Structures are given as structure tokens and as C-alpha cells.
Amino acid sequence: MEPTPSGARGRSPEEKRRIARLAAFAVVVILIVAFVLANRHQVTVEFLVTSAELPMVWALVLAAVLGALADRLWRWQRTRHK
């Protein structure tokens, strides 16, 4: 029996998928780290009755979470009234 080549042709489809997932995960982690580093400066966020000073990245995360919650509530409300 011949030894398998060390190139991609010798890898099983499952192994190729695992490598692709790992590479995609590494890219996402690198992008998240770059995003956090680029947005670490302090900003003042004003709420309805108060304000707070926090890193920009947390303000963006808070906005994303609140937006996702608003979307879920809106979808839940629409499906409830059908």
C-alpha cells in the first residue's frame, strides 16, 4: 500500500471540513479581537434618565443586544396575534 500524500488530496472530506471550520473560527476570532482593540476608547452613553462612561465596544454590544431583544419581541408579538 502506498503512503498517503501529505497534501489536501490525501485528506478525507470530514477532515477538510474540520480544517475549514477551524480556519473560519480563527478568522472570526481575529476579527473580534481587532474590533475590540479598535473600539476600546471611552464614550459617554446617555440613557433615558442617566448617563454612563464606558468603552465603545461595550456600548456597541449593548446596542446589539437591545436590538436583538427588540427584534425577538416584535416577532413574538406578530406570531402571537396571527
N, C-alpha and C. Protein backbone atom coordinates (compact mmCIF):
# COMPACT_ATOMS: atom_id res chain seq x y z
N MET A 1 0.84 -1.17 0.00
CA MET A 1 0.00 0.00 0.00
C MET A 1 0.89 1.24 0.00
N GLU A 2 0.51 2.22 -0.82
CA GLU A 2 1.30 3.45 -0.93
C GLU A 2 0.97 4.40 0.22
N PRO A 3 1.98 5.14 0.68
CA PRO A 3 1.69 6.15 1.71
C PRO A 3 0.82 7.26 1.14
N THR A 4 -0.02 7.82 1.96
CA THR A 4 -0.88 8.92 1.52
C THR A 4 -0.07 10.19 1.39
N PRO A 5 -0.34 10.95 0.34
CA PRO A 5 0.38 12.22 0.19
C PRO A 5 0.01 13.18 1.33
N SER A 6 0.95 14.06 1.64
CA SER A 6 0.71 14.99 2.74
C SER A 6 -0.14 16.17 2.31
N GLY A 7 -0.48 16.29 1.04
CA GLY A 7 -1.30 17.41 0.55
C GLY A 7 -2.76 17.21 0.86
N ALA A 8 -3.58 18.17 0.42
CA ALA A 8 -5.01 18.15 0.69
C ALA A 8 -5.71 16.98 0.02
N ARG A 9 -5.13 16.46 -1.09
CA ARG A 9 -5.78 15.35 -1.79
C ARG A 9 -5.87 14.10 -0.93
N GLY A 10 -4.99 13.94 0.02
CA GLY A 10 -4.99 12.75 0.86
C GLY A 10 -5.91 12.86 2.07
N ARG A 11 -6.58 13.99 2.24
CA ARG A 11 -7.43 14.18 3.41
C ARG A 11 -8.86 13.75 3.12
N SER A 12 -9.51 13.25 4.14
CA SER A 12 -10.91 12.85 3.99
C SER A 12 -11.79 14.10 3.95
N PRO A 13 -13.00 13.99 3.40
CA PRO A 13 -13.90 15.15 3.38
C PRO A 13 -14.20 15.68 4.78
N GLU A 14 -14.31 14.78 5.76
CA GLU A 14 -14.57 15.23 7.14
C GLU A 14 -13.41 16.05 7.67
N GLU A 15 -12.19 15.61 7.37
CA GLU A 15 -11.02 16.35 7.84
C GLU A 15 -10.91 17.70 7.15
N LYS A 16 -11.25 17.75 5.86
CA LYS A 16 -11.24 19.03 5.14
C LYS A 16 -12.26 19.99 5.74
N ARG A 17 -13.45 19.48 6.08
CA ARG A 17 -14.47 20.33 6.71
C ARG A 17 -14.01 20.82 8.08
N ARG A 18 -13.37 19.95 8.84
CA ARG A 18 -12.88 20.34 10.16
C ARG A 18 -11.83 21.43 10.03
N ILE A 19 -10.94 21.30 9.08
CA ILE A 19 -9.89 22.31 8.86
C ILE A 19 -10.53 23.63 8.41
N ALA A 20 -11.52 23.55 7.52
CA ALA A 20 -12.20 24.77 7.06
C ALA A 20 -12.92 25.46 8.21
N ARG A 21 -13.59 24.68 9.07
CA ARG A 21 -14.27 25.27 10.23
C ARG A 21 -13.27 25.92 11.18
N LEU A 22 -12.14 25.26 11.40
CA LEU A 22 -11.12 25.81 12.28
C LEU A 22 -10.55 27.10 11.70
N ALA A 23 -10.32 27.14 10.40
CA ALA A 23 -9.80 28.35 9.75
C ALA A 23 -10.83 29.48 9.85
N ALA A 24 -12.11 29.18 9.62
CA ALA A 24 -13.16 30.19 9.72
C ALA A 24 -13.25 30.71 11.15
N PHE A 25 -13.16 29.82 12.13
CA PHE A 25 -13.20 30.22 13.53
C PHE A 25 -12.03 31.14 13.86
N ALA A 26 -10.84 30.81 13.36
CA ALA A 26 -9.66 31.63 13.60
C ALA A 26 -9.84 33.03 13.01
N VAL A 27 -10.42 33.11 11.82
CA VAL A 27 -10.66 34.41 11.18
C VAL A 27 -11.64 35.23 12.01
N VAL A 28 -12.72 34.59 12.48
CA VAL A 28 -13.71 35.30 13.30
C VAL A 28 -13.07 35.81 14.60
N VAL A 29 -12.26 34.99 15.24
CA VAL A 29 -11.59 35.42 16.48
C VAL A 29 -10.67 36.61 16.21
N ILE A 30 -9.93 36.55 15.13
CA ILE A 30 -9.04 37.66 14.78
C ILE A 30 -9.85 38.94 14.53
N LEU A 31 -10.97 38.83 13.83
CA LEU A 31 -11.81 39.99 13.57
C LEU A 31 -12.40 40.56 14.86
N ILE A 32 -12.82 39.70 15.76
CA ILE A 32 -13.37 40.16 17.04
C ILE A 32 -12.30 40.88 17.85
N VAL A 33 -11.11 40.32 17.91
CA VAL A 33 -10.01 40.97 18.65
C VAL A 33 -9.69 42.33 18.03
N ALA A 34 -9.64 42.40 16.70
CA ALA A 34 -9.37 43.68 16.03
C ALA A 34 -10.48 44.68 16.33
N PHE A 35 -11.73 44.24 16.33
CA PHE A 35 -12.86 45.11 16.62
C PHE A 35 -12.77 45.66 18.05
N VAL A 36 -12.46 44.80 19.00
CA VAL A 36 -12.34 45.24 20.39
C VAL A 36 -11.20 46.23 20.55
N LEU A 37 -10.07 45.95 19.94
CA LEU A 37 -8.91 46.85 20.06
C LEU A 37 -9.18 48.20 19.40
N ALA A 38 -9.93 48.19 18.30
CA ALA A 38 -10.22 49.44 17.60
C ALA A 38 -11.28 50.27 18.33
N ASN A 39 -12.05 49.65 19.21
CA ASN A 39 -13.17 50.35 19.86
C ASN A 39 -13.05 50.35 21.38
N ARG A 40 -11.84 50.47 21.88
CA ARG A 40 -11.67 50.43 23.33
C ARG A 40 -11.67 51.81 23.99
N HIS A 41 -11.77 52.88 23.22
CA HIS A 41 -11.78 54.21 23.82
C HIS A 41 -13.11 54.46 24.54
N GLN A 42 -13.07 55.34 25.54
CA GLN A 42 -14.23 55.64 26.38
C GLN A 42 -15.20 56.56 25.64
N VAL A 43 -16.48 56.30 25.80
CA VAL A 43 -17.52 57.18 25.27
C VAL A 43 -18.58 57.37 26.36
N THR A 44 -19.32 58.46 26.25
CA THR A 44 -20.42 58.71 27.17
C THR A 44 -21.70 58.26 26.49
N VAL A 45 -22.43 57.38 27.16
CA VAL A 45 -23.70 56.89 26.64
C VAL A 45 -24.80 57.45 27.52
N GLU A 46 -25.76 58.12 26.90
CA GLU A 46 -26.87 58.71 27.65
C GLU A 46 -28.09 57.81 27.52
N PHE A 47 -28.62 57.42 28.68
CA PHE A 47 -29.84 56.63 28.73
C PHE A 47 -31.00 57.59 28.97
N LEU A 48 -32.16 57.09 29.29
CA LEU A 48 -33.31 57.97 29.48
C LEU A 48 -33.12 58.93 30.65
N VAL A 49 -32.65 58.42 31.76
CA VAL A 49 -32.54 59.27 32.95
C VAL A 49 -31.13 59.43 33.47
N THR A 50 -30.17 58.75 32.88
CA THR A 50 -28.80 58.80 33.38
C THR A 50 -27.83 58.68 32.22
N SER A 51 -26.57 58.77 32.53
CA SER A 51 -25.54 58.57 31.51
C SER A 51 -24.40 57.76 32.14
N ALA A 52 -23.62 57.16 31.29
CA ALA A 52 -22.50 56.35 31.78
C ALA A 52 -21.34 56.48 30.81
N GLU A 53 -20.15 56.38 31.34
CA GLU A 53 -18.95 56.38 30.50
C GLU A 53 -18.42 54.96 30.47
N LEU A 54 -18.29 54.42 29.26
CA LEU A 54 -17.83 53.05 29.11
C LEU A 54 -17.11 52.90 27.78
N PRO A 55 -16.34 51.81 27.63
CA PRO A 55 -15.65 51.60 26.35
C PRO A 55 -16.64 51.46 25.20
N MET A 56 -16.28 51.99 24.06
CA MET A 56 -17.14 51.97 22.88
C MET A 56 -17.61 50.56 22.54
N VAL A 57 -16.74 49.57 22.68
CA VAL A 57 -17.11 48.21 22.32
C VAL A 57 -18.30 47.74 23.15
N TRP A 58 -18.36 48.11 24.45
CA TRP A 58 -19.49 47.69 25.29
C TRP A 58 -20.76 48.44 24.91
N ALA A 59 -20.62 49.68 24.49
CA ALA A 59 -21.79 50.42 24.02
C ALA A 59 -22.36 49.75 22.77
N LEU A 60 -21.48 49.32 21.89
CA LEU A 60 -21.93 48.64 20.67
C LEU A 60 -22.55 47.28 20.98
N VAL A 61 -21.95 46.54 21.91
CA VAL A 61 -22.52 45.25 22.31
C VAL A 61 -23.89 45.46 22.94
N LEU A 62 -24.01 46.45 23.82
CA LEU A 62 -25.29 46.75 24.45
C LEU A 62 -26.35 47.09 23.40
N ALA A 63 -25.98 47.92 22.43
CA ALA A 63 -26.92 48.28 21.37
C ALA A 63 -27.33 47.05 20.55
N ALA A 64 -26.38 46.16 20.27
CA ALA A 64 -26.70 44.95 19.51
C ALA A 64 -27.64 44.04 20.29
N VAL A 65 -27.38 43.88 21.58
CA VAL A 65 -28.24 43.03 22.41
C VAL A 65 -29.64 43.62 22.52
N LEU A 66 -29.73 44.91 22.76
CA LEU A 66 -31.04 45.55 22.84
C LEU A 66 -31.79 45.47 21.51
N GLY A 67 -31.07 45.60 20.41
CA GLY A 67 -31.69 45.46 19.10
C GLY A 67 -32.19 44.05 18.85
N ALA A 68 -31.40 43.06 19.25
CA ALA A 68 -31.82 41.66 19.09
C ALA A 68 -33.05 41.37 19.95
N LEU A 69 -33.07 41.89 21.19
CA LEU A 69 -34.24 41.70 22.05
C LEU A 69 -35.48 42.37 21.47
N ALA A 70 -35.32 43.57 20.94
CA ALA A 70 -36.45 44.26 20.32
C ALA A 70 -36.97 43.47 19.12
N ASP A 71 -36.07 42.91 18.32
CA ASP A 71 -36.47 42.09 17.17
C ASP A 71 -37.25 40.87 17.63
N ARG A 72 -36.74 40.18 18.65
CA ARG A 72 -37.43 38.98 19.16
C ARG A 72 -38.80 39.32 19.70
N LEU A 73 -38.92 40.43 20.46
CA LEU A 73 -40.22 40.84 20.98
C LEU A 73 -41.19 41.17 19.86
N TRP A 74 -40.70 41.85 18.83
CA TRP A 74 -41.54 42.21 17.69
C TRP A 74 -42.02 40.95 16.97
N ARG A 75 -41.12 40.00 16.73
CA ARG A 75 -41.51 38.75 16.06
C ARG A 75 -42.48 37.96 16.93
N TRP A 76 -42.23 37.90 18.23
CA TRP A 76 -43.11 37.18 19.13
C TRP A 76 -44.50 37.80 19.13
N GLN A 77 -44.55 39.12 19.16
CA GLN A 77 -45.83 39.83 19.13
C GLN A 77 -46.58 39.55 17.85
N ARG A 78 -45.89 39.55 16.72
CA ARG A 78 -46.54 39.28 15.42
C ARG A 78 -47.08 37.86 15.36
N THR A 79 -46.33 36.87 15.82
CA THR A 79 -46.80 35.49 15.75
C THR A 79 -47.93 35.23 16.76
N ARG A 80 -47.95 35.97 17.83
CA ARG A 80 -48.98 35.80 18.84
C ARG A 80 -50.33 36.29 18.35
N HIS A 81 -50.35 37.29 17.49
CA HIS A 81 -51.59 37.89 17.01
C HIS A 81 -52.07 37.30 15.69
N LYS A 82 -51.45 36.27 15.19
CA LYS A 82 -51.91 35.67 13.93
C LYS A 82 -52.99 34.66 14.16
